[in-house]
Amino acid sequence: MEWWEAILLGLVQGLTEFLPVSSSGHLAIGRELLGVEASGDLVFEVAVHAATVLSTILVFRKEIWKLLQGLFRFRMNDETDYILKILVSMIPVFVVGVFFKDSVEELFASLTVVGFALIVTALLLFFSDFASRRAQTENSARNGISWWQALAVGVGQALAVIPGLSRSGTTISTGLLCGVKREVMAQFSFLMVLVPILGEAFLDVVGGDMAASSIGALPLALGFLAAFASGLFACRVMIALVRRARLGWFALYCAIVGALVLIFG
């Protein structure tokens, strides 16, 4: 991978991470268009995802600090309840990461998988638009999301490890289908991914996967910086769009891109 290719792919990752259009799917498509061979590992994907997670932390720093302050009061309160529900949502993706990591890595080499997954994303977004009307009813759960809803959203996140199946789109759609309000799901969806992705990046560094990667240190660093910068922009500008816009427009985009991938891929 050349340095300029890493920058382009990092920009793609950062700009698509916060929209329900699948950043991993767009990375796979971008690699194919640039003629970049799959590296055989997920190191580059983990690096650029970690960069956008850091941009998320920067944007949500006040909310995160408030949650941590509430947690270290060492008693059950709204902040502790919210963090515990985030931990519950991580259980499914933890299971997938431990037992199915090799199988997931193999999927990143198939554009056919990306095409079909984008179409599935489109269907989820389309049907969740109808569910969002039901989600406007009063939700009596603490913090607007119940324990079973947090677990269901976690299952959606675990399935979204498939390239082309949007993580934000799947988690938000799952939440809406379960009756969670759109504004609640927008924040919960972005915060619930922080620990899994940073944990994966940490394990790659500790386990030596970064050193064993076929991608050089310079492309990794440049891709990371590009993803962080574009992710910071996207997080500030596009989160409001995700909260307010009808997901049907994103569904149409995913359906078109998915069809094009299946036809020409």
C-alpha atoms as a PDB file:
ATOM      1  CA  MET A   1       0.000   0.000   0.000  1.00  0.00           C
ATOM      2  CA  GLU A   2       1.407   3.395  -1.035  1.00  0.00           C
ATOM      3  CA  TRP A   3       1.299   6.359   1.320  1.00  0.00           C
ATOM      4  CA  TRP A   4      -1.204   8.298  -0.825  1.00  0.00           C
ATOM      5  CA  GLU A   5      -3.484   5.249  -1.019  1.00  0.00           C
ATOM      6  CA  ALA A   6      -3.438   5.012   2.770  1.00  0.00           C
ATOM      7  CA  ILE A   7      -4.441   8.689   3.008  1.00  0.00           C
ATOM      8  CA  LEU A   8      -7.339   8.221   0.571  1.00  0.00           C
ATOM      9  CA  LEU A   9      -8.579   5.120   2.384  1.00  0.00           C
ATOM     10  CA  GLY A  10      -8.232   6.900   5.731  1.00  0.00           C
ATOM     11  CA  LEU A  11     -10.347   9.777   4.422  1.00  0.00           C
ATOM     12  CA  VAL A  12     -12.971   7.304   3.190  1.00  0.00           C
ATOM     13  CA  GLN A  13     -13.051   5.637   6.602  1.00  0.00           C
ATOM     14  CA  GLY A  14     -13.384   8.886   8.517  1.00  0.00           C
ATOM     15  CA  LEU A  15     -16.113  10.326   6.304  1.00  0.00           C
ATOM     16  CA  THR A  16     -18.226   7.147   6.220  1.00  0.00           C
ATOM     17  CA  GLU A  17     -17.812   5.978   9.838  1.00  0.00           C
ATOM     18  CA  PHE A  18     -20.613   8.120  11.224  1.00  0.00           C
ATOM     19  CA  LEU A  19     -23.092   7.699   8.395  1.00  0.00           C
ATOM     20  CA  PRO A  20     -25.126   4.478   8.072  1.00  0.00           C
ATOM     21  CA  VAL A  21     -23.379   3.466   4.829  1.00  0.00           C
ATOM     22  CA  SER A  22     -20.695   1.014   6.121  1.00  0.00           C
ATOM     23  CA  SER A  23     -17.165   2.348   6.420  1.00  0.00           C
ATOM     24  CA  SER A  24     -15.717  -1.181   6.182  1.00  0.00           C
ATOM     25  CA  GLY A  25     -17.645  -1.792   2.972  1.00  0.00           C
ATOM     26  CA  HIS A  26     -16.403   1.478   1.495  1.00  0.00           C
ATOM     27  CA  LEU A  27     -12.862   0.594   2.513  1.00  0.00           C
ATOM     28  CA  ALA A  28     -13.157  -2.697   0.628  1.00  0.00           C
ATOM     29  CA  ILE A  29     -14.567  -0.904  -2.429  1.00  0.00           C
ATOM     30  CA  GLY A  30     -11.879   1.777  -2.209  1.00  0.00           C
ATOM     31  CA  ARG A  31      -9.155  -0.869  -2.040  1.00  0.00           C
ATOM     32  CA  GLU A  32     -10.559  -2.534  -5.146  1.00  0.00           C
ATOM     33  CA  LEU A  33     -10.776   0.735  -7.093  1.00  0.00           C
ATOM     34  CA  LEU A  34      -7.211   1.651  -6.135  1.00  0.00           C
ATOM     35  CA  GLY A  35      -5.941  -1.827  -6.887  1.00  0.00           C
ATOM     36  CA  VAL A  36      -4.697  -2.303  -3.333  1.00  0.00           C
ATOM     37  CA  GLU A  37      -4.495  -5.957  -2.361  1.00  0.00           C
ATOM     38  CA  ALA A  38      -6.098  -7.065   0.879  1.00  0.00           C
ATOM     39  CA  SER A  39      -3.337  -7.272   3.449  1.00  0.00           C
ATOM     40  CA  GLY A  40      -4.467 -10.624   4.840  1.00  0.00           C
ATOM     41  CA  ASP A  41      -5.107  -9.051   8.232  1.00  0.00           C
ATOM     42  CA  LEU A  42      -7.309  -6.350   9.720  1.00  0.00           C
ATOM     43  CA  VAL A  43      -4.503  -4.120  10.982  1.00  0.00           C
ATOM     44  CA  PHE A  44      -5.184  -1.188   8.655  1.00  0.00           C
ATOM     45  CA  GLU A  45      -8.944  -1.398   9.296  1.00  0.00           C
ATOM     46  CA  VAL A  46      -8.354  -1.498  13.049  1.00  0.00           C
ATOM     47  CA  ALA A  47      -5.954   1.464  12.851  1.00  0.00           C
ATOM     48  CA  VAL A  48      -8.314   3.741  10.930  1.00  0.00           C
ATOM     49  CA  HIS A  49     -11.292   2.661  13.046  1.00  0.00           C
ATOM     50  CA  ALA A  50      -9.272   3.503  16.171  1.00  0.00           C
ATOM     51  CA  ALA A  51      -8.585   6.937  14.679  1.00  0.00           C
ATOM     52  CA  THR A  52     -12.292   7.658  14.237  1.00  0.00           C
ATOM     53  CA  VAL A  53     -12.956   6.358  17.740  1.00  0.00           C
ATOM     54  CA  LEU A  54     -10.470   8.915  19.061  1.00  0.00           C
ATOM     55  CA  SER A  55     -12.295  11.624  17.134  1.00  0.00           C
ATOM     56  CA  THR A  56     -15.515  10.407  18.757  1.00  0.00           C
ATOM     57  CA  ILE A  57     -13.922  10.686  22.191  1.00  0.00           C
ATOM     58  CA  LEU A  58     -12.878  14.253  21.417  1.00  0.00           C
ATOM     59  CA  VAL A  59     -16.353  15.276  20.244  1.00  0.00           C
ATOM     60  CA  PHE A  60     -18.161  13.521  23.118  1.00  0.00           C
ATOM     61  CA  ARG A  61     -15.564  14.414  25.748  1.00  0.00           C
ATOM     62  CA  LYS A  62     -18.058  16.268  27.963  1.00  0.00           C
ATOM     63  CA  GLU A  63     -20.575  13.424  27.895  1.00  0.00           C
ATOM     64  CA  ILE A  64     -17.851  10.838  28.535  1.00  0.00           C
ATOM     65  CA  TRP A  65     -16.428  12.861  31.422  1.00  0.00           C
ATOM     66  CA  LYS A  66     -19.890  13.145  32.966  1.00  0.00           C
ATOM     67  CA  LEU A  67     -20.377   9.372  32.661  1.00  0.00           C
ATOM     68  CA  LEU A  68     -17.017   8.698  34.329  1.00  0.00           C
ATOM     69  CA  GLN A  69     -17.777  11.132  37.148  1.00  0.00           C
ATOM     70  CA  GLY A  70     -21.064   9.355  37.809  1.00  0.00           C
ATOM     71  CA  LEU A  71     -19.397   5.926  37.645  1.00  0.00           C
ATOM     72  CA  PHE A  72     -16.775   6.806  40.262  1.00  0.00           C
ATOM     73  CA  ARG A  73     -19.396   7.872  42.753  1.00  0.00           C
ATOM     74  CA  PHE A  74     -19.665   4.094  43.265  1.00  0.00           C
ATOM     75  CA  ARG A  75     -23.441   3.995  43.474  1.00  0.00           C
ATOM     76  CA  MET A  76     -26.226   3.292  41.035  1.00  0.00           C
ATOM     77  CA  ASN A  77     -27.187   6.452  39.168  1.00  0.00           C
ATOM     78  CA  ASP A  78     -28.062   7.430  35.606  1.00  0.00           C
ATOM     79  CA  GLU A  79     -24.423   7.471  34.548  1.00  0.00           C
ATOM     80  CA  THR A  80     -23.638   4.054  36.035  1.00  0.00           C
ATOM     81  CA  ASP A  81     -26.796   2.614  34.508  1.00  0.00           C
ATOM     82  CA  TYR A  82     -25.805   3.970  31.081  1.00  0.00           C
ATOM     83  CA  ILE A  83     -22.261   2.570  31.273  1.00  0.00           C
ATOM     84  CA  LEU A  84     -23.508  -0.850  32.412  1.00  0.00           C
ATOM     85  CA  LYS A  85     -25.901  -0.962  29.458  1.00  0.00           C
ATOM     86  CA  ILE A  86     -23.014  -0.114  27.129  1.00  0.00           C
ATOM     87  CA  LEU A  87     -21.083  -3.036  28.668  1.00  0.00           C
ATOM     88  CA  VAL A  88     -24.069  -5.329  28.077  1.00  0.00           C
ATOM     89  CA  SER A  89     -24.156  -4.225  24.443  1.00  0.00           C
ATOM     90  CA  MET A  90     -20.506  -5.305  24.065  1.00  0.00           C
ATOM     91  CA  ILE A  91     -21.145  -8.960  24.975  1.00  0.00           C
ATOM     92  CA  PRO A  92     -22.181 -10.155  21.472  1.00  0.00           C
ATOM     93  CA  VAL A  93     -19.277  -8.468  19.650  1.00  0.00           C
ATOM     94  CA  PHE A  94     -16.880  -9.869  22.276  1.00  0.00           C
ATOM     95  CA  VAL A  95     -18.140 -13.378  21.508  1.00  0.00           C
ATOM     96  CA  VAL A  96     -17.697 -12.800  17.770  1.00  0.00           C
ATOM     97  CA  GLY A  97     -14.206 -11.375  18.270  1.00  0.00           C
ATOM     98  CA  VAL A  98     -13.063 -14.314  20.386  1.00  0.00           C
ATOM     99  CA  PHE A  99     -14.566 -17.209  18.430  1.00  0.00           C
ATOM    100  CA  PHE A 100     -15.054 -15.980  14.855  1.00  0.00           C
ATOM    101  CA  LYS A 101     -12.242 -13.489  14.177  1.00  0.00           C
ATOM    102  CA  ASP A 102     -10.576 -15.594  11.449  1.00  0.00           C
ATOM    103  CA  SER A 103     -13.872 -16.132   9.638  1.00  0.00           C
ATOM    104  CA  VAL A 104     -14.604 -12.400   9.725  1.00  0.00           C
ATOM    105  CA  GLU A 105     -11.179 -11.559   8.278  1.00  0.00           C
ATOM    106  CA  GLU A 106     -11.851 -13.833   5.297  1.00  0.00           C
ATOM    107  CA  LEU A 107     -15.003 -11.872   4.443  1.00  0.00           C
ATOM    108  CA  PHE A 108     -12.989  -8.702   3.777  1.00  0.00           C
ATOM    109  CA  ALA A 109     -11.562 -10.281   0.614  1.00  0.00           C
ATOM    110  CA  SER A 110     -15.008 -10.689  -1.004  1.00  0.00           C
ATOM    111  CA  LEU A 111     -16.713  -7.794  -2.773  1.00  0.00           C
ATOM    112  CA  THR A 112     -19.752 -10.035  -3.287  1.00  0.00           C
ATOM    113  CA  VAL A 113     -20.227 -10.121   0.483  1.00  0.00           C
ATOM    114  CA  VAL A 114     -19.921  -6.312   0.573  1.00  0.00           C
ATOM    115  CA  GLY A 115     -22.551  -5.907  -2.158  1.00  0.00           C
ATOM    116  CA  PHE A 116     -25.114  -8.164  -0.501  1.00  0.00           C
ATOM    117  CA  ALA A 117     -24.407  -6.665   2.937  1.00  0.00           C
ATOM    118  CA  LEU A 118     -24.973  -3.128   1.616  1.00  0.00           C
ATOM    119  CA  ILE A 119     -28.360  -4.214   0.285  1.00  0.00           C
ATOM    120  CA  VAL A 120     -29.190  -5.731   3.697  1.00  0.00           C
ATOM    121  CA  THR A 121     -28.156  -2.406   5.263  1.00  0.00           C
ATOM    122  CA  ALA A 122     -30.513  -0.611   2.866  1.00  0.00           C
ATOM    123  CA  LEU A 123     -33.410  -2.860   3.907  1.00  0.00           C
ATOM    124  CA  LEU A 124     -32.705  -2.315   7.610  1.00  0.00           C
ATOM    125  CA  LEU A 125     -32.573   1.456   7.173  1.00  0.00           C
ATOM    126  CA  PHE A 126     -35.748   1.481   5.100  1.00  0.00           C
ATOM    127  CA  PHE A 127     -37.835  -0.525   7.569  1.00  0.00           C
ATOM    128  CA  SER A 128     -36.441   1.311  10.604  1.00  0.00           C
ATOM    129  CA  ASP A 129     -37.903   4.538   9.205  1.00  0.00           C
ATOM    130  CA  PHE A 130     -41.347   3.106   9.920  1.00  0.00           C
ATOM    131  CA  ALA A 131     -40.249   1.934  13.353  1.00  0.00           C
ATOM    132  CA  SER A 132     -38.980   5.406  14.246  1.00  0.00           C
ATOM    133  CA  ARG A 133     -42.585   6.644  14.400  1.00  0.00           C
ATOM    134  CA  ARG A 134     -43.342   4.028  17.026  1.00  0.00           C
ATOM    135  CA  ALA A 135     -40.148   4.983  18.877  1.00  0.00           C
ATOM    136  CA  GLN A 136     -41.505   8.471  19.435  1.00  0.00           C
ATOM    137  CA  THR A 137     -43.825   7.099  22.128  1.00  0.00           C
ATOM    138  CA  GLU A 138     -42.760   7.493  25.729  1.00  0.00           C
ATOM    139  CA  ASN A 139     -39.996   5.101  26.785  1.00  0.00           C
ATOM    140  CA  SER A 140     -40.087   4.451  30.523  1.00  0.00           C
ATOM    141  CA  ALA A 141     -36.658   2.775  30.615  1.00  0.00           C
ATOM    142  CA  ARG A 142     -33.890   4.583  32.445  1.00  0.00           C
ATOM    143  CA  ASN A 143     -31.792   6.677  30.009  1.00  0.00           C
ATOM    144  CA  GLY A 144     -34.315   5.871  27.288  1.00  0.00           C
ATOM    145  CA  ILE A 145     -32.990   2.350  26.647  1.00  0.00           C
ATOM    146  CA  SER A 146     -33.703  -0.869  28.551  1.00  0.00           C
ATOM    147  CA  TRP A 147     -31.352  -3.762  29.285  1.00  0.00           C
ATOM    148  CA  TRP A 148     -32.847  -6.037  26.646  1.00  0.00           C
ATOM    149  CA  GLN A 149     -32.758  -3.225  24.076  1.00  0.00           C
ATOM    150  CA  ALA A 150     -29.068  -2.650  24.840  1.00  0.00           C
ATOM    151  CA  LEU A 151     -28.387  -6.358  24.306  1.00  0.00           C
ATOM    152  CA  ALA A 152     -30.385  -6.384  21.057  1.00  0.00           C
ATOM    153  CA  VAL A 153     -28.414  -3.399  19.768  1.00  0.00           C
ATOM    154  CA  GLY A 154     -25.252  -5.274  20.752  1.00  0.00           C
ATOM    155  CA  VAL A 155     -26.331  -8.207  18.597  1.00  0.00           C
ATOM    156  CA  GLY A 156     -26.735  -5.752  15.723  1.00  0.00           C
ATOM    157  CA  GLN A 157     -23.221  -4.468  16.315  1.00  0.00           C
ATOM    158  CA  ALA A 158     -21.856  -8.020  16.334  1.00  0.00           C
ATOM    159  CA  LEU A 159     -23.489  -8.772  12.974  1.00  0.00           C
ATOM    160  CA  ALA A 160     -22.094  -5.524  11.583  1.00  0.00           C
ATOM    161  CA  VAL A 161     -18.550  -6.920  11.641  1.00  0.00           C
ATOM    162  CA  ILE A 162     -19.517  -8.179   8.166  1.00  0.00           C
ATOM    163  CA  PRO A 163     -18.050  -5.685   5.643  1.00  0.00           C
ATOM    164  CA  GLY A 164     -20.845  -3.764   3.962  1.00  0.00           C
ATOM    165  CA  LEU A 165     -23.209  -4.100   6.908  1.00  0.00           C
ATOM    166  CA  SER A 166     -23.102  -0.625   8.439  1.00  0.00           C
ATOM    167  CA  ARG A 167     -22.361  -0.638  12.172  1.00  0.00           C
ATOM    168  CA  SER A 168     -24.078   2.670  12.867  1.00  0.00           C
ATOM    169  CA  GLY A 169     -26.911   1.833  10.481  1.00  0.00           C
ATOM    170  CA  THR A 170     -27.436  -1.630  11.966  1.00  0.00           C
ATOM    171  CA  THR A 171     -27.276  -0.518  15.593  1.00  0.00           C
ATOM    172  CA  ILE A 172     -29.508   2.513  15.059  1.00  0.00           C
ATOM    173  CA  SER A 173     -31.975   0.473  12.994  1.00  0.00           C
ATOM    174  CA  THR A 174     -32.019  -2.306  15.613  1.00  0.00           C
ATOM    175  CA  GLY A 175     -32.687   0.230  18.337  1.00  0.00           C
ATOM    176  CA  LEU A 176     -35.489   1.880  16.399  1.00  0.00           C
ATOM    177  CA  LEU A 177     -37.066  -1.502  15.648  1.00  0.00           C
ATOM    178  CA  CYS A 178     -36.924  -2.242  19.392  1.00  0.00           C
ATOM    179  CA  GLY A 179     -38.639   1.047  20.241  1.00  0.00           C
ATOM    180  CA  VAL A 180     -35.694   3.261  21.235  1.00  0.00           C
ATOM    181  CA  LYS A 181     -35.943   6.918  20.247  1.00  0.00           C
ATOM    182  CA  ARG A 182     -33.734   8.145  17.410  1.00  0.00           C
ATOM    183  CA  GLU A 183     -31.870  10.768  19.469  1.00  0.00           C
ATOM    184  CA  VAL A 184     -31.122   8.215  22.200  1.00  0.00           C
ATOM    185  CA  MET A 185     -29.803   5.674  19.698  1.00  0.00           C
ATOM    186  CA  ALA A 186     -27.620   8.197  17.893  1.00  0.00           C
ATOM    187  CA  GLN A 187     -25.472   8.820  20.985  1.00  0.00           C
ATOM    188  CA  PHE A 188     -25.630   5.254  22.326  1.00  0.00           C
ATOM    189  CA  SER A 189     -24.569   3.865  18.944  1.00  0.00           C
ATOM    190  CA  PHE A 190     -21.465   6.041  18.775  1.00  0.00           C
ATOM    191  CA  LEU A 191     -20.411   5.516  22.391  1.00  0.00           C
ATOM    192  CA  MET A 192     -20.910   1.736  22.496  1.00  0.00           C
ATOM    193  CA  VAL A 193     -18.152   1.135  19.909  1.00  0.00           C
ATOM    194  CA  LEU A 194     -15.375   2.921  21.811  1.00  0.00           C
ATOM    195  CA  VAL A 195     -14.128   0.078  24.006  1.00  0.00           C
ATOM    196  CA  PRO A 196     -14.354  -2.800  21.452  1.00  0.00           C
ATOM    197  CA  ILE A 197     -12.366  -0.989  18.756  1.00  0.00           C
ATOM    198  CA  LEU A 198      -9.755   0.463  21.110  1.00  0.00           C
ATOM    199  CA  GLY A 199      -9.470  -2.959  22.762  1.00  0.00           C
ATOM    200  CA  GLU A 200      -8.885  -4.609  19.383  1.00  0.00           C
ATOM    201  CA  ALA A 201      -6.212  -2.049  18.532  1.00  0.00           C
ATOM    202  CA  PHE A 202      -4.528  -2.639  21.894  1.00  0.00           C
ATOM    203  CA  LEU A 203      -4.512  -6.419  21.413  1.00  0.00           C
ATOM    204  CA  ASP A 204      -3.000  -6.017  17.932  1.00  0.00           C
ATOM    205  CA  VAL A 205      -0.159  -3.923  19.355  1.00  0.00           C
ATOM    206  CA  VAL A 206       0.467  -6.193  22.345  1.00  0.00           C
ATOM    207  CA  GLY A 207       0.149  -9.357  20.271  1.00  0.00           C
ATOM    208  CA  GLY A 208       2.631  -8.148  17.665  1.00  0.00           C
ATOM    209  CA  ASP A 209       0.107  -8.082  14.808  1.00  0.00           C
ATOM    210  CA  MET A 210       1.098  -4.516  13.954  1.00  0.00           C
ATOM    211  CA  ALA A 211       4.711  -5.563  13.481  1.00  0.00           C
ATOM    212  CA  ALA A 212       3.669  -8.631  11.477  1.00  0.00           C
ATOM    213  CA  SER A 213       1.403  -6.650   9.162  1.00  0.00           C
ATOM    214  CA  SER A 214       2.336  -6.439   5.489  1.00  0.00           C
ATOM    215  CA  ILE A 215       1.444  -2.727   5.591  1.00  0.00           C
ATOM    216  CA  GLY A 216       4.343  -0.412   6.401  1.00  0.00           C
ATOM    217  CA  ALA A 217       4.479   1.916   9.380  1.00  0.00           C
ATOM    218  CA  LEU A 218       4.260   5.088   7.246  1.00  0.00           C
ATOM    219  CA  PRO A 219       1.028   4.148   5.402  1.00  0.00           C
ATOM    220  CA  LEU A 220      -0.491   3.037   8.722  1.00  0.00           C
ATOM    221  CA  ALA A 221       0.406   6.355  10.372  1.00  0.00           C
ATOM    222  CA  LEU A 222      -0.829   8.460   7.448  1.00  0.00           C
ATOM    223  CA  GLY A 223      -4.034   6.450   7.178  1.00  0.00           C
ATOM    224  CA  PHE A 224      -4.584   6.909  10.913  1.00  0.00           C
ATOM    225  CA  LEU A 225      -4.088  10.687  10.732  1.00  0.00           C
ATOM    226  CA  ALA A 226      -6.322  11.037   7.656  1.00  0.00           C
ATOM    227  CA  ALA A 227      -9.080   9.006   9.311  1.00  0.00           C
ATOM    228  CA  PHE A 228      -8.789  11.035  12.522  1.00  0.00           C
ATOM    229  CA  ALA A 229      -9.004  14.402  10.732  1.00  0.00           C
ATOM    230  CA  SER A 230     -11.893  13.440   8.449  1.00  0.00           C
ATOM    231  CA  GLY A 231     -13.617  11.589  11.296  1.00  0.00           C
ATOM    232  CA  LEU A 232     -13.441  14.657  13.501  1.00  0.00           C
ATOM    233  CA  PHE A 233     -15.123  16.689  10.766  1.00  0.00           C
ATOM    234  CA  ALA A 234     -17.725  14.002  10.069  1.00  0.00           C
ATOM    235  CA  CYS A 235     -18.514  13.474  13.735  1.00  0.00           C
ATOM    236  CA  ARG A 236     -19.193  17.159  14.331  1.00  0.00           C
ATOM    237  CA  VAL A 237     -21.188  17.765  11.150  1.00  0.00           C
ATOM    238  CA  MET A 238     -22.885  14.488  10.338  1.00  0.00           C
ATOM    239  CA  ILE A 239     -24.116  13.207  13.716  1.00  0.00           C
ATOM    240  CA  ALA A 240     -26.832  15.860  13.585  1.00  0.00           C
ATOM    241  CA  LEU A 241     -27.677  14.649  10.077  1.00  0.00           C
ATOM    242  CA  VAL A 242     -28.005  11.052  11.253  1.00  0.00           C
ATOM    243  CA  ARG A 243     -30.265  12.165  14.094  1.00  0.00           C
ATOM    244  CA  ARG A 244     -32.587  14.271  11.937  1.00  0.00           C
ATOM    245  CA  ALA A 245     -32.500  12.917   8.397  1.00  0.00           C
ATOM    246  CA  ARG A 246     -34.785  10.170   7.168  1.00  0.00           C
ATOM    247  CA  LEU A 247     -32.761   6.978   6.952  1.00  0.00           C
ATOM    248  CA  GLY A 248     -34.556   6.128   3.718  1.00  0.00           C
ATOM    249  CA  TRP A 249     -32.158   8.359   1.773  1.00  0.00           C
ATOM    250  CA  PHE A 250     -29.200   6.420   3.119  1.00  0.00           C
ATOM    251  CA  ALA A 251     -31.066   3.210   2.320  1.00  0.00           C
ATOM    252  CA  LEU A 252     -31.374   4.291  -1.308  1.00  0.00           C
ATOM    253  CA  TYR A 253     -27.657   5.098  -1.463  1.00  0.00           C
ATOM    254  CA  CYS A 254     -26.663   1.733   0.041  1.00  0.00           C
ATOM    255  CA  ALA A 255     -28.987  -0.126  -2.332  1.00  0.00           C
ATOM    256  CA  ILE A 256     -27.504   1.616  -5.387  1.00  0.00           C
ATOM    257  CA  VAL A 257     -23.889   1.068  -4.287  1.00  0.00           C
ATOM    258  CA  GLY A 258     -24.606  -2.538  -3.335  1.00  0.00           C
ATOM    259  CA  ALA A 259     -26.194  -3.238  -6.725  1.00  0.00           C
ATOM    260  CA  LEU A 260     -23.266  -1.626  -8.559  1.00  0.00           C
ATOM    261  CA  VAL A 261     -20.806  -3.719  -6.569  1.00  0.00           C
ATOM    262  CA  LEU A 262     -22.670  -6.938  -7.436  1.00  0.00           C
ATOM    263  CA  ILE A 263     -22.913  -5.978 -11.110  1.00  0.00           C
ATOM    264  CA  PHE A 264     -19.356  -4.740 -11.686  1.00  0.00           C
ATOM    265  CA  GLY A 265     -17.485  -6.300  -8.757  1.00  0.00           C
END
